[in-house]
C-alpha cells in the first residue's frame, strides 16, 4: 500500500513543495513557541509544536530524498544520451565493417577467378607430361593465398 502511494502520489510532488512544508513546520514551531506564552492557548500550542516538528522533519527528509532522486534522474538522462551516441557510433562502425567485408570478399572472388583462369590455361601443359610442372605448383600456391 505504501509503495503504491509513493509510486503514484508522493513521487510526483515537486521538490519545492517539500521545502515549503519544512519551512511551514519551522514557522509553526516558532509561532507555537510564541503562542505558548499565553495561558489560554498554551495546551493547543504544545500540540501545534509537536505537529510542526513532524512537518519540519518530514519536509526536510522528503526534500532531501526528492533532491537526490532529481539528481539521479538527471544522471540517468545523461547516460541515456551517451548510450544513444554510442549506439549510433556502433551502427556506423558496423556499416563501415560491412563495406570492408564486401570489398575483401570481392577481392577474394576476383582472385579466385584469375587463378581458375590460370589453371584452365595451364591445364594442357600439366596434362601433357606426367610430372608436376612448376607452373602447376605456382598456380596452386596462388590459389591458397
Protein backbone atom coordinates (compact mmCIF):
# COMPACT_ATOMS: atom_id res chain seq x y z
CA UNK A 1 0.00 0.00 0.00
CA UNK A 2 2.79 2.42 0.90
CA UNK A 3 4.69 1.51 -2.26
CA UNK A 4 1.60 2.26 -4.33
CA UNK A 5 1.18 5.58 -2.51
CA UNK A 6 4.81 6.51 -3.11
CA UNK A 7 4.78 5.48 -6.77
CA UNK A 8 1.53 7.25 -7.65
CA UNK A 9 1.43 10.36 -5.47
CA UNK A 10 4.46 11.23 -3.39
CA UNK A 11 6.97 10.70 -6.19
CA UNK A 12 5.18 13.25 -8.39
CA UNK A 13 5.31 16.06 -5.83
CA UNK A 14 7.94 18.66 -6.82
CA UNK A 15 10.96 19.31 -4.59
CA UNK A 16 9.92 22.87 -3.75
CA UNK A 17 6.70 21.62 -2.11
CA UNK A 18 8.72 19.62 0.42
CA UNK A 19 10.91 22.64 1.12
CA UNK A 20 7.75 24.68 1.67
CA UNK A 21 6.40 22.02 4.08
CA UNK A 22 9.66 22.12 6.05
CA UNK A 23 9.56 25.92 6.13
CA UNK A 24 5.93 25.88 7.23
CA UNK A 25 6.83 23.44 10.00
CA UNK A 26 9.58 25.76 11.19
CA UNK A 27 7.26 28.75 11.05
CA UNK A 28 4.56 26.92 13.00
CA UNK A 29 7.13 25.85 15.57
CA UNK A 30 8.18 29.46 16.15
CA UNK A 31 4.58 30.67 16.27
CA UNK A 32 3.58 27.91 18.70
CA UNK A 33 6.52 28.89 20.91
CA UNK A 34 5.31 32.44 21.00
CA UNK A 35 1.69 31.35 21.47
CA UNK A 36 2.76 29.16 24.39
CA UNK A 37 3.33 32.32 26.38
CA UNK A 38 -0.43 32.83 26.62
CA UNK A 39 -2.13 30.68 29.22
CA UNK A 40 -5.42 30.36 27.32
CA UNK A 41 -3.88 28.70 24.27
CA UNK A 42 -0.87 27.01 25.86
CA UNK A 43 -2.37 23.46 25.65
CA UNK A 44 -3.03 23.94 21.94
CA UNK A 45 0.40 25.41 21.38
CA UNK A 46 2.00 22.22 22.72
CA UNK A 47 0.02 20.15 20.18
CA UNK A 48 0.88 22.55 17.35
CA UNK A 49 4.55 22.46 18.38
CA UNK A 50 4.61 18.66 18.12
CA UNK A 51 2.82 18.69 14.77
CA UNK A 52 5.13 21.42 13.47
CA UNK A 53 8.18 19.36 14.43
CA UNK A 54 6.75 16.45 12.42
CA UNK A 55 6.19 18.78 9.47
CA UNK A 56 9.70 20.21 9.77
CA UNK A 57 11.46 16.85 10.00
CA UNK A 58 9.21 15.15 7.42
CA UNK A 59 9.51 18.03 4.96
CA UNK A 60 13.28 18.18 5.31
CA UNK A 61 13.56 14.42 4.90
CA UNK A 62 11.37 14.34 1.81
CA UNK A 63 13.08 17.42 0.29
CA UNK A 64 16.44 15.69 0.66
CA UNK A 65 15.12 12.48 -0.84
CA UNK A 66 13.44 14.30 -3.72
CA UNK A 67 16.63 16.26 -4.39
CA UNK A 68 18.68 13.07 -4.53
CA UNK A 69 16.10 11.47 -6.82
CA UNK A 70 16.17 14.50 -9.12
CA UNK A 71 19.97 14.33 -9.27
CA UNK A 72 19.87 10.64 -10.15
CA UNK A 73 17.21 11.23 -12.80
CA UNK A 74 19.47 13.85 -14.38
CA UNK A 75 22.38 11.40 -14.39
CA UNK A 76 20.12 8.78 -15.98
CA UNK A 77 19.19 11.20 -18.77
CA UNK A 78 22.86 11.99 -19.40
CA UNK A 79 23.78 8.31 -19.51
CA UNK A 80 20.89 7.58 -21.89
CA UNK A 81 22.20 10.28 -24.21
CA UNK A 82 25.67 8.74 -24.04
CA UNK A 83 24.17 5.34 -24.83
CA UNK A 84 22.33 6.73 -27.85
CA UNK A 85 25.56 8.30 -29.14
CA UNK A 86 27.44 5.02 -28.60
CA UNK A 87 24.70 3.08 -30.40
CA UNK A 88 24.90 5.45 -33.37
CA UNK A 89 28.70 5.09 -33.47
CA UNK A 90 28.27 1.32 -33.32
CA UNK A 91 25.85 1.37 -36.25
CA UNK A 92 28.29 3.49 -38.25
CA UNK A 93 31.15 1.12 -37.42
CA UNK A 94 29.05 -1.89 -38.46
CA UNK A 95 28.24 -0.21 -41.79
CA UNK A 96 31.92 0.51 -42.34
CA UNK A 97 32.82 -3.05 -41.40
CA UNK A 98 30.29 -4.39 -43.91
CA UNK A 99 31.85 -2.27 -46.66
CA UNK A 100 35.31 -3.59 -45.78
CA UNK A 101 33.97 -7.16 -45.67
CA UNK A 102 32.28 -6.81 -49.07
CA UNK A 103 35.47 -5.37 -50.52
CA UNK A 104 37.53 -8.27 -49.18
CA UNK A 105 35.01 -10.81 -50.46
CA UNK A 106 35.11 -9.15 -53.88
CA UNK A 107 38.93 -9.24 -53.93
CA UNK A 108 38.89 -12.93 -52.99
CA UNK A 109 36.33 -13.67 -55.68
CA UNK A 110 38.31 -11.78 -58.33
CA UNK A 111 41.50 -13.55 -57.32
CA UNK A 112 39.75 -16.92 -57.47
CA UNK A 113 38.53 -16.19 -61.00
CA UNK A 114 42.05 -15.24 -62.08
CA UNK A 115 43.54 -18.41 -60.54
CA UNK A 116 40.86 -20.58 -62.14
CA UNK A 117 41.62 -18.97 -65.48
CA UNK A 118 45.35 -19.63 -64.99
CA UNK A 119 44.67 -23.26 -64.11
CA UNK A 120 42.46 -23.70 -67.14
CA UNK A 121 45.10 -22.06 -69.35
CA UNK A 122 47.92 -24.20 -67.96
CA UNK A 123 45.91 -27.46 -67.83
CA UNK A 124 47.18 -28.57 -71.23
CA UNK A 125 50.81 -28.21 -70.14
CA UNK A 126 50.11 -30.03 -66.88
CA UNK A 127 48.32 -32.92 -68.62
CA UNK A 128 50.92 -33.19 -71.41
CA UNK A 129 53.53 -34.55 -69.06
CA UNK A 130 53.08 -36.91 -66.15
CA UNK A 131 55.26 -34.89 -63.84
CA UNK A 132 54.30 -31.89 -61.79
CA UNK A 133 55.12 -28.80 -63.71
CA UNK A 134 56.47 -25.77 -61.81
CA UNK A 135 53.65 -23.75 -63.34
CA UNK A 136 51.12 -26.03 -61.60
CA UNK A 137 52.86 -25.52 -58.30
CA UNK A 138 52.81 -21.77 -58.89
CA UNK A 139 49.09 -21.90 -59.74
CA UNK A 140 48.27 -23.93 -56.61
CA UNK A 141 50.31 -21.59 -54.45
CA UNK A 142 48.46 -18.65 -55.92
CA UNK A 143 45.15 -20.35 -55.17
CA UNK A 144 45.98 -20.73 -51.48
CA UNK A 145 46.69 -17.04 -50.90
